[in-house]
Amino acid sequence: MILVEIYSKKDCSLCKKAKQLIDKINAEMPFSFKEIDIAASEDLLRKYKEDIPTIFINGKKAFKFKVDETEFRKKLRRELIKNSLSRMWNKKEHFT
């Protein structure tokens, strides 16, 4: 399963827009979604204070500040393909 993480804060309008877009796409293409509130940790606040929202897909930074819908869908599809190929490869190894 693909994991999408967003590093954000409650009072961030860009974060709100990014989450709305992610929710919309998640309704069409299933993936795990995790929101990380940077205000909950001094380390996260220091690291991401000026860089929110930051969105990661499977641990790789995908977007900062704004999420482009078309590009987000492309990145999700790439991850789906990678996951599928990886599962197929692992099954093949078990049969040899």
PDB file of N, CA and C in Angstrom:
ATOM      1  N   MET A   1       0.851  -1.180   0.000  1.00  0.00           N
ATOM      2  CA  MET A   1       0.000   0.000   0.000  1.00  0.00           C
ATOM      3  C   MET A   1       0.894   1.239   0.000  1.00  0.00           C
ATOM      4  N   ILE A   2       0.499   2.220  -0.739  1.00  0.00           N
ATOM      5  CA  ILE A   2       1.240   3.477  -0.824  1.00  0.00           C
ATOM      6  C   ILE A   2       0.935   4.314   0.410  1.00  0.00           C
ATOM      7  N   LEU A   3       1.963   4.950   0.948  1.00  0.00           N
ATOM      8  CA  LEU A   3       1.793   5.837   2.094  1.00  0.00           C
ATOM      9  C   LEU A   3       2.074   7.275   1.675  1.00  0.00           C
ATOM     10  N   VAL A   4       1.091   8.138   1.882  1.00  0.00           N
ATOM     11  CA  VAL A   4       1.236   9.570   1.639  1.00  0.00           C
ATOM     12  C   VAL A   4       1.226  10.255   2.997  1.00  0.00           C
ATOM     13  N   GLU A   5       2.246  11.069   3.249  1.00  0.00           N
ATOM     14  CA  GLU A   5       2.347  11.806   4.509  1.00  0.00           C
ATOM     15  C   GLU A   5       2.404  13.295   4.201  1.00  0.00           C
ATOM     16  N   ILE A   6       1.714  14.071   5.028  1.00  0.00           N
ATOM     17  CA  ILE A   6       1.775  15.528   4.892  1.00  0.00           C
ATOM     18  C   ILE A   6       2.226  16.114   6.221  1.00  0.00           C
ATOM     19  N   TYR A   7       3.255  16.910   6.171  1.00  0.00           N
ATOM     20  CA  TYR A   7       3.736  17.642   7.334  1.00  0.00           C
ATOM     21  C   TYR A   7       3.078  19.012   7.271  1.00  0.00           C
ATOM     22  N   SER A   8       2.296  19.330   8.312  1.00  0.00           N
ATOM     23  CA  SER A   8       1.478  20.545   8.267  1.00  0.00           C
ATOM     24  C   SER A   8       1.242  21.103   9.661  1.00  0.00           C
ATOM     25  N   LYS A   9       0.509  22.217   9.696  1.00  0.00           N
ATOM     26  CA  LYS A   9       0.046  22.842  10.947  1.00  0.00           C
ATOM     27  C   LYS A   9      -1.434  23.167  10.786  1.00  0.00           C
ATOM     28  N   LYS A  10      -2.112  23.310  11.921  1.00  0.00           N
ATOM     29  CA  LYS A  10      -3.548  23.598  11.895  1.00  0.00           C
ATOM     30  C   LYS A  10      -3.899  24.884  11.163  1.00  0.00           C
ATOM     31  N   ASP A  11      -3.192  25.935  11.407  1.00  0.00           N
ATOM     32  CA  ASP A  11      -3.553  27.259  10.890  1.00  0.00           C
ATOM     33  C   ASP A  11      -2.941  27.584   9.521  1.00  0.00           C
ATOM     34  N   CYS A  12      -2.622  26.575   8.758  1.00  0.00           N
ATOM     35  CA  CYS A  12      -1.936  26.756   7.468  1.00  0.00           C
ATOM     36  C   CYS A  12      -2.942  26.601   6.328  1.00  0.00           C
ATOM     37  N   SER A  13      -3.182  27.672   5.587  1.00  0.00           N
ATOM     38  CA  SER A  13      -4.151  27.611   4.480  1.00  0.00           C
ATOM     39  C   SER A  13      -3.637  26.762   3.315  1.00  0.00           C
ATOM     40  N   LEU A  14      -2.338  26.795   3.042  1.00  0.00           N
ATOM     41  CA  LEU A  14      -1.775  25.943   1.992  1.00  0.00           C
ATOM     42  C   LEU A  14      -1.917  24.465   2.360  1.00  0.00           C
ATOM     43  N   CYS A  15      -1.756  24.171   3.647  1.00  0.00           N
ATOM     44  CA  CYS A  15      -1.904  22.792   4.120  1.00  0.00           C
ATOM     45  C   CYS A  15      -3.339  22.319   3.926  1.00  0.00           C
ATOM     46  N   LYS A  16      -4.281  23.191   4.235  1.00  0.00           N
ATOM     47  CA  LYS A  16      -5.697  22.846   4.090  1.00  0.00           C
ATOM     48  C   LYS A  16      -6.027  22.521   2.632  1.00  0.00           C
ATOM     49  N   LYS A  17      -5.528  23.338   1.708  1.00  0.00           N
ATOM     50  CA  LYS A  17      -5.762  23.096   0.280  1.00  0.00           C
ATOM     51  C   LYS A  17      -5.124  21.774  -0.163  1.00  0.00           C
ATOM     52  N   ALA A  18      -3.904  21.530   0.300  1.00  0.00           N
ATOM     53  CA  ALA A  18      -3.208  20.291  -0.061  1.00  0.00           C
ATOM     54  C   ALA A  18      -3.980  19.078   0.461  1.00  0.00           C
ATOM     55  N   LYS A  19      -4.451  19.140   1.709  1.00  0.00           N
ATOM     56  CA  LYS A  19      -5.204  18.024   2.291  1.00  0.00           C
ATOM     57  C   LYS A  19      -6.510  17.786   1.538  1.00  0.00           C
ATOM     58  N   GLN A  20      -7.183  18.843   1.123  1.00  0.00           N
ATOM     59  CA  GLN A  20      -8.422  18.685   0.361  1.00  0.00           C
ATOM     60  C   GLN A  20      -8.161  17.959  -0.958  1.00  0.00           C
ATOM     61  N   LEU A  21      -7.095  18.331  -1.635  1.00  0.00           N
ATOM     62  CA  LEU A  21      -6.748  17.673  -2.896  1.00  0.00           C
ATOM     63  C   LEU A  21      -6.365  16.211  -2.657  1.00  0.00           C
ATOM     64  N   ILE A  22      -5.585  15.960  -1.633  1.00  0.00           N
ATOM     65  CA  ILE A  22      -5.172  14.593  -1.310  1.00  0.00           C
ATOM     66  C   ILE A  22      -6.391  13.745  -0.967  1.00  0.00           C
ATOM     67  N   ASP A  23      -7.321  14.290  -0.173  1.00  0.00           N
ATOM     68  CA  ASP A  23      -8.553  13.560   0.172  1.00  0.00           C
ATOM     69  C   ASP A  23      -9.367  13.240  -1.075  1.00  0.00           C
ATOM     70  N   LYS A  24      -9.457  14.194  -1.979  1.00  0.00           N
ATOM     71  CA  LYS A  24     -10.209  13.992  -3.225  1.00  0.00           C
ATOM     72  C   LYS A  24      -9.620  12.823  -4.023  1.00  0.00           C
ATOM     73  N   ILE A  25      -8.317  12.822  -4.172  1.00  0.00           N
ATOM     74  CA  ILE A  25      -7.654  11.779  -4.952  1.00  0.00           C
ATOM     75  C   ILE A  25      -7.693  10.444  -4.209  1.00  0.00           C
ATOM     76  N   ASN A  26      -7.610  10.485  -2.886  1.00  0.00           N
ATOM     77  CA  ASN A  26      -7.667   9.262  -2.089  1.00  0.00           C
ATOM     78  C   ASN A  26      -9.020   8.567  -2.232  1.00  0.00           C
ATOM     79  N   ALA A  27     -10.063   9.316  -2.488  1.00  0.00           N
ATOM     80  CA  ALA A  27     -11.387   8.729  -2.710  1.00  0.00           C
ATOM     81  C   ALA A  27     -11.427   7.949  -4.029  1.00  0.00           C
ATOM     82  N   GLU A  28     -10.556   8.317  -4.967  1.00  0.00           N
ATOM     83  CA  GLU A  28     -10.510   7.667  -6.280  1.00  0.00           C
ATOM     84  C   GLU A  28      -9.426   6.588  -6.366  1.00  0.00           C
ATOM     85  N   MET A  29      -8.300   6.852  -5.746  1.00  0.00           N
ATOM     86  CA  MET A  29      -7.151   5.939  -5.768  1.00  0.00           C
ATOM     87  C   MET A  29      -6.767   5.656  -4.320  1.00  0.00           C
ATOM     88  N   PRO A  30      -7.002   4.451  -3.834  1.00  0.00           N
ATOM     89  CA  PRO A  30      -6.736   4.187  -2.421  1.00  0.00           C
ATOM     90  C   PRO A  30      -5.246   4.193  -2.075  1.00  0.00           C
ATOM     91  N   PHE A  31      -4.939   4.867  -0.972  1.00  0.00           N
ATOM     92  CA  PHE A  31      -3.601   4.861  -0.399  1.00  0.00           C
ATOM     93  C   PHE A  31      -3.740   5.218   1.077  1.00  0.00           C
ATOM     94  N   SER A  32      -2.728   4.894   1.847  1.00  0.00           N
ATOM     95  CA  SER A  32      -2.720   5.269   3.259  1.00  0.00           C
ATOM     96  C   SER A  32      -2.322   6.738   3.362  1.00  0.00           C
ATOM     97  N   PHE A  33      -2.983   7.443   4.248  1.00  0.00           N
ATOM     98  CA  PHE A  33      -2.713   8.868   4.406  1.00  0.00           C
ATOM     99  C   PHE A  33      -2.451   9.164   5.872  1.00  0.00           C
ATOM    100  N   LYS A  34      -1.390   9.895   6.119  1.00  0.00           N
ATOM    101  CA  LYS A  34      -1.014  10.249   7.486  1.00  0.00           C
ATOM    102  C   LYS A  34      -0.692  11.731   7.525  1.00  0.00           C
ATOM    103  N   GLU A  35      -1.312  12.428   8.466  1.00  0.00           N
ATOM    104  CA  GLU A  35      -1.024  13.850   8.665  1.00  0.00           C
ATOM    105  C   GLU A  35      -0.156  13.999   9.902  1.00  0.00           C
ATOM    106  N   ILE A  36       0.944  14.706   9.755  1.00  0.00           N
ATOM    107  CA  ILE A  36       1.859  14.946  10.860  1.00  0.00           C
ATOM    108  C   ILE A  36       1.821  16.428  11.194  1.00  0.00           C
ATOM    109  N   ASP A  37       1.402  16.725  12.408  1.00  0.00           N
ATOM    110  CA  ASP A  37       1.330  18.113  12.884  1.00  0.00           C
ATOM    111  C   ASP A  37       2.709  18.509  13.393  1.00  0.00           C
ATOM    112  N   ILE A  38       3.359  19.405  12.698  1.00  0.00           N
ATOM    113  CA  ILE A  38       4.731  19.782  13.073  1.00  0.00           C
ATOM    114  C   ILE A  38       4.777  20.522  14.408  1.00  0.00           C
ATOM    115  N   ALA A  39       3.639  21.073  14.838  1.00  0.00           N
ATOM    116  CA  ALA A  39       3.593  21.782  16.117  1.00  0.00           C
ATOM    117  C   ALA A  39       3.706  20.826  17.303  1.00  0.00           C
ATOM    118  N   ALA A  40       3.539  19.535  17.061  1.00  0.00           N
ATOM    119  CA  ALA A  40       3.593  18.544  18.142  1.00  0.00           C
ATOM    120  C   ALA A  40       5.024  18.215  18.569  1.00  0.00           C
ATOM    121  N   SER A  41       5.997  18.647  17.798  1.00  0.00           N
ATOM    122  CA  SER A  41       7.395  18.334  18.091  1.00  0.00           C
ATOM    123  C   SER A  41       8.277  19.535  17.763  1.00  0.00           C
ATOM    124  N   GLU A  42       9.145  19.882  18.695  1.00  0.00           N
ATOM    125  CA  GLU A  42      10.065  21.004  18.444  1.00  0.00           C
ATOM    126  C   GLU A  42      10.999  20.702  17.278  1.00  0.00           C
ATOM    127  N   ASP A  43      11.430  19.447  17.169  1.00  0.00           N
ATOM    128  CA  ASP A  43      12.322  19.063  16.071  1.00  0.00           C
ATOM    129  C   ASP A  43      11.624  19.233  14.720  1.00  0.00           C
ATOM    130  N   LEU A  44      10.373  18.733  14.623  1.00  0.00           N
ATOM    131  CA  LEU A  44       9.628  18.877  13.372  1.00  0.00           C
ATOM    132  C   LEU A  44       9.328  20.335  13.075  1.00  0.00           C
ATOM    133  N   LEU A  45       8.988  21.093  14.110  1.00  0.00           N
ATOM    134  CA  LEU A  45       8.699  22.515  13.918  1.00  0.00           C
ATOM    135  C   LEU A  45       9.931  23.236  13.396  1.00  0.00           C
ATOM    136  N   ARG A  46      11.079  22.937  13.954  1.00  0.00           N
ATOM    137  CA  ARG A  46      12.325  23.572  13.508  1.00  0.00           C
ATOM    138  C   ARG A  46      12.650  23.154  12.060  1.00  0.00           C
ATOM    139  N   LYS A  47      12.427  21.888  11.747  1.00  0.00           N
ATOM    140  CA  LYS A  47      12.788  21.381  10.423  1.00  0.00           C
ATOM    141  C   LYS A  47      11.834  21.852   9.327  1.00  0.00           C
ATOM    142  N   TYR A  48      10.527  21.914   9.618  1.00  0.00           N
ATOM    143  CA  TYR A  48       9.532  22.188   8.573  1.00  0.00           C
ATOM    144  C   TYR A  48       8.816  23.527   8.713  1.00  0.00           C
ATOM    145  N   LYS A  49       9.184  24.332   9.681  1.00  0.00           N
ATOM    146  CA  LYS A  49       8.479  25.588   9.965  1.00  0.00           C
ATOM    147  C   LYS A  49       8.226  26.437   8.721  1.00  0.00           C
ATOM    148  N   GLU A  50       9.220  26.571   7.890  1.00  0.00           N
ATOM    149  CA  GLU A  50       9.115  27.414   6.697  1.00  0.00           C
ATOM    150  C   GLU A  50       8.787  26.615   5.430  1.00  0.00           C
ATOM    151  N   ASP A  51       8.579  25.324   5.582  1.00  0.00           N
ATOM    152  CA  ASP A  51       8.414  24.449   4.416  1.00  0.00           C
ATOM    153  C   ASP A  51       7.122  23.632   4.460  1.00  0.00           C
ATOM    154  N   ILE A  52       6.032  24.236   4.897  1.00  0.00           N
ATOM    155  CA  ILE A  52       4.780  23.481   4.947  1.00  0.00           C
ATOM    156  C   ILE A  52       3.791  24.014   3.931  1.00  0.00           C
ATOM    157  N   PRO A  53       2.989  23.122   3.411  1.00  0.00           N
ATOM    158  CA  PRO A  53       3.039  21.682   3.635  1.00  0.00           C
ATOM    159  C   PRO A  53       4.162  21.025   2.845  1.00  0.00           C
ATOM    160  N   THR A  54       4.686  19.949   3.398  1.00  0.00           N
ATOM    161  CA  THR A  54       5.616  19.087   2.684  1.00  0.00           C
ATOM    162  C   THR A  54       4.949  17.721   2.594  1.00  0.00           C
ATOM    163  N   ILE A  55       4.906  17.173   1.401  1.00  0.00           N
ATOM    164  CA  ILE A  55       4.224  15.913   1.158  1.00  0.00           C
ATOM    165  C   ILE A  55       5.234  14.863   0.712  1.00  0.00           C
ATOM    166  N   PHE A  56       5.155  13.700   1.348  1.00  0.00           N
ATOM    167  CA  PHE A  56       6.008  12.569   1.018  1.00  0.00           C
ATOM    168  C   PHE A  56       5.136  11.448   0.467  1.00  0.00           C
ATOM    169  N   ILE A  57       5.636  10.754  -0.525  1.00  0.00           N
ATOM    170  CA  ILE A  57       4.985   9.553  -1.041  1.00  0.00           C
ATOM    171  C   ILE A  57       5.972   8.410  -0.855  1.00  0.00           C
ATOM    172  N   ASN A  58       5.576   7.450  -0.041  1.00  0.00           N
ATOM    173  CA  ASN A  58       6.439   6.311   0.307  1.00  0.00           C
ATOM    174  C   ASN A  58       7.825   6.772   0.770  1.00  0.00           C
ATOM    175  N   GLY A  59       7.823   7.791   1.611  1.00  0.00           N
ATOM    176  CA  GLY A  59       9.073   8.256   2.210  1.00  0.00           C
ATOM    177  C   GLY A  59       9.906   9.192   1.363  1.00  0.00           C
ATOM    178  N   LYS A  60       9.471   9.470   0.131  1.00  0.00           N
ATOM    179  CA  LYS A  60      10.221  10.381  -0.738  1.00  0.00           C
ATOM    180  C   LYS A  60       9.493  11.716  -0.829  1.00  0.00           C
ATOM    181  N   LYS A  61      10.257  12.795  -0.662  1.00  0.00           N
ATOM    182  CA  LYS A  61       9.634  14.111  -0.766  1.00  0.00           C
ATOM    183  C   LYS A  61       9.088  14.304  -2.171  1.00  0.00           C
ATOM    184  N   ALA A  62       7.782  14.632  -2.242  1.00  0.00           N
ATOM    185  CA  ALA A  62       7.123  14.760  -3.537  1.00  0.00           C
ATOM    186  C   ALA A  62       6.734  16.205  -3.835  1.00  0.00           C
ATOM    187  N   PHE A  63       6.304  16.940  -2.806  1.00  0.00           N
ATOM    188  CA  PHE A  63       5.851  18.316  -3.008  1.00  0.00           C
ATOM    189  C   PHE A  63       6.162  19.158  -1.776  1.00  0.00           C
ATOM    190  N   LYS A  64       6.338  20.440  -2.031  1.00  0.00           N
ATOM    191  CA  LYS A  64       6.487  21.414  -0.949  1.00  0.00           C
ATOM    192  C   LYS A  64       5.679  22.638  -1.342  1.00  0.00           C
ATOM    193  N   PHE A  65       4.878  23.126  -0.423  1.00  0.00           N
ATOM    194  CA  PHE A  65       4.018  24.312  -0.552  1.00  0.00           C
ATOM    195  C   PHE A  65       2.733  24.040  -1.328  1.00  0.00           C
ATOM    196  N   LYS A  66       2.821  23.463  -2.511  1.00  0.00           N
ATOM    197  CA  LYS A  66       1.638  23.281  -3.352  1.00  0.00           C
ATOM    198  C   LYS A  66       1.678  21.898  -3.997  1.00  0.00           C
ATOM    199  N   VAL A  67       0.511  21.266  -4.067  1.00  0.00           N
ATOM    200  CA  VAL A  67       0.400  19.959  -4.699  1.00  0.00           C
ATOM    201  C   VAL A  67      -0.253  20.136  -6.061  1.00  0.00           C
ATOM    202  N   ASP A  68       0.432  19.703  -7.092  1.00  0.00           N
ATOM    203  CA  ASP A  68      -0.122  19.721  -8.436  1.00  0.00           C
ATOM    204  C   ASP A  68      -0.885  18.419  -8.638  1.00  0.00           C
ATOM    205  N   GLU A  69      -2.178  18.516  -8.939  1.00  0.00           N
ATOM    206  CA  GLU A  69      -3.029  17.334  -9.028  1.00  0.00           C
ATOM    207  C   GLU A  69      -2.537  16.333 -10.073  1.00  0.00           C
ATOM    208  N   THR A  70      -2.206  16.793 -11.248  1.00  0.00           N
ATOM    209  CA  THR A  70      -1.752  15.904 -12.317  1.00  0.00           C
ATOM    210  C   THR A  70      -0.455  15.203 -11.926  1.00  0.00           C
ATOM    211  N   GLU A  71       0.467  15.961 -11.395  1.00  0.00           N
ATOM    212  CA  GLU A  71       1.762  15.393 -10.998  1.00  0.00           C
ATOM    213  C   GLU A  71       1.599  14.425  -9.823  1.00  0.00           C
ATOM    214  N   PHE A  72       0.694  14.755  -8.886  1.00  0.00           N
ATOM    215  CA  PHE A  72       0.429  13.876  -7.748  1.00  0.00           C
ATOM    216  C   PHE A  72      -0.095  12.526  -8.242  1.00  0.00           C
ATOM    217  N   ARG A  73      -1.040  12.565  -9.171  1.00  0.00           N
ATOM    218  CA  ARG A  73      -1.587  11.325  -9.743  1.00  0.00           C
ATOM    219  C   ARG A  73      -0.492  10.514 -10.448  1.00  0.00           C
ATOM    220  N   LYS A  74       0.382  11.183 -11.184  1.00  0.00           N
ATOM    221  CA  LYS A  74       1.480  10.495 -11.869  1.00  0.00           C
ATOM    222  C   LYS A  74       2.393   9.794 -10.871  1.00  0.00           C
ATOM    223  N   LYS A  75       2.726  10.504  -9.803  1.00  0.00           N
ATOM    224  CA  LYS A  75       3.621   9.931  -8.791  1.00  0.00           C
ATOM    225  C   LYS A  75       2.969   8.739  -8.098  1.00  0.00           C
ATOM    226  N   LEU A  76       1.665   8.835  -7.832  1.00  0.00           N
ATOM    227  CA  LEU A  76       0.954   7.704  -7.230  1.00  0.00           C
ATOM    228  C   LEU A  76       0.948   6.499  -8.166  1.00  0.00           C
ATOM    229  N   ARG A  77       0.685   6.746  -9.444  1.00  0.00           N
ATOM    230  CA  ARG A  77       0.676   5.650 -10.424  1.00  0.00           C
ATOM    231  C   ARG A  77       2.044   4.971 -10.503  1.00  0.00           C
ATOM    232  N   ARG A  78       3.096   5.782 -10.494  1.00  0.00           N
ATOM    233  CA  ARG A  78       4.449   5.217 -10.529  1.00  0.00           C
ATOM    234  C   ARG A  78       4.688   4.297  -9.329  1.00  0.00           C
ATOM    235  N   GLU A  79       4.243   4.753  -8.154  1.00  0.00           N
ATOM    236  CA  GLU A  79       4.412   3.942  -6.944  1.00  0.00           C
ATOM    237  C   GLU A  79       3.576   2.675  -7.016  1.00  0.00           C
ATOM    238  N   LEU A  80       2.368   2.769  -7.556  1.00  0.00           N
ATOM    239  CA  LEU A  80       1.524   1.576  -7.719  1.00  0.00           C
ATOM    240  C   LEU A  80       2.204   0.558  -8.636  1.00  0.00           C
ATOM    241  N   ILE A  81       2.768   1.054  -9.730  1.00  0.00           N
ATOM    242  CA  ILE A  81       3.466   0.175 -10.669  1.00  0.00           C
ATOM    243  C   ILE A  81       4.677  -0.469  -9.996  1.00  0.00           C
ATOM    244  N   LYS A  82       5.459   0.332  -9.277  1.00  0.00           N
ATOM    245  CA  LYS A  82       6.627  -0.204  -8.569  1.00  0.00           C
ATOM    246  C   LYS A  82       6.215  -1.288  -7.581  1.00  0.00           C
ATOM    247  N   ASN A  83       5.148  -1.010  -6.808  1.00  0.00           N
ATOM    248  CA  ASN A  83       4.668  -1.990  -5.825  1.00  0.00           C
ATOM    249  C   ASN A  83       4.220  -3.272  -6.516  1.00  0.00           C
ATOM    250  N   SER A  84       3.507  -3.141  -7.622  1.00  0.00           N
ATOM    251  CA  SER A  84       3.029  -4.309  -8.359  1.00  0.00           C
ATOM    252  C   SER A  84       4.197  -5.123  -8.907  1.00  0.00           C
ATOM    253  N   LEU A  85       5.163  -4.439  -9.499  1.00  0.00           N
ATOM    254  CA  LEU A  85       6.334  -5.135 -10.039  1.00  0.00           C
ATOM    255  C   LEU A  85       7.122  -5.820  -8.934  1.00  0.00           C
ATOM    256  N   SER A  86       7.230  -5.167  -7.810  1.00  0.00           N
ATOM    257  CA  SER A  86       7.950  -5.741  -6.679  1.00  0.00           C
ATOM    258  C   SER A  86       7.254  -7.006  -6.175  1.00  0.00           C
ATOM    259  N   ARG A  87       5.920  -6.958  -6.081  1.00  0.00           N
ATOM    260  CA  ARG A  87       5.161  -8.145  -5.650  1.00  0.00           C
ATOM    261  C   ARG A  87       5.316  -9.272  -6.661  1.00  0.00           C
ATOM    262  N   MET A  88       5.250  -8.942  -7.940  1.00  0.00           N
ATOM    263  CA  MET A  88       5.408  -9.965  -8.970  1.00  0.00           C
ATOM    264  C   MET A  88       6.803 -10.580  -8.893  1.00  0.00           C
ATOM    265  N   TRP A  89       7.813  -9.756  -8.715  1.00  0.00           N
ATOM    266  CA  TRP A  89       9.187 -10.232  -8.651  1.00  0.00           C
ATOM    267  C   TRP A  89       9.366 -11.144  -7.443  1.00  0.00           C
ATOM    268  N   ASN A  90       8.788 -10.742  -6.301  1.00  0.00           N
ATOM    269  CA  ASN A  90       8.907 -11.564  -5.097  1.00  0.00           C
ATOM    270  C   ASN A  90       8.211 -12.908  -5.264  1.00  0.00           C
ATOM    271  N   LYS A  91       7.057 -12.925  -5.929  1.00  0.00           N
ATOM    272  CA  LYS A  91       6.369 -14.191  -6.189  1.00  0.00           C
ATOM    273  C   LYS A  91       7.211 -15.073  -7.097  1.00  0.00           C
ATOM    274  N   LYS A  92       7.833 -14.484  -8.101  1.00  0.00           N
ATOM    275  CA  LYS A  92       8.652 -15.226  -9.051  1.00  0.00           C
ATOM    276  C   LYS A  92       9.827 -15.882  -8.311  1.00  0.00           C
ATOM    277  N   GLU A  93      10.437 -15.156  -7.383  1.00  0.00           N
ATOM    278  CA  GLU A  93      11.576 -15.703  -6.633  1.00  0.00           C
ATOM    279  C   GLU A  93      11.162 -16.917  -5.811  1.00  0.00           C
ATOM    280  N   HIS A  94       9.924 -16.933  -5.318  1.00  0.00           N
ATOM    281  CA  HIS A  94       9.452 -18.054  -4.514  1.00  0.00           C
ATOM    282  C   HIS A  94       9.221 -19.309  -5.340  1.00  0.00           C
ATOM    283  N   PHE A  95       9.017 -19.148  -6.631  1.00  0.00           N
ATOM    284  CA  PHE A  95       8.746 -20.288  -7.496  1.00  0.00           C
ATOM    285  C   PHE A  95       9.996 -20.846  -8.177  1.00  0.00           C
ATOM    286  N   THR A  96      11.115 -20.185  -8.024  1.00  0.00           N
ATOM    287  CA  THR A  96      12.320 -20.693  -8.672  1.00  0.00           C
ATOM    288  C   THR A  96      13.167 -21.505  -7.725  1.00  0.00           C
TER     289      THR A  96
END
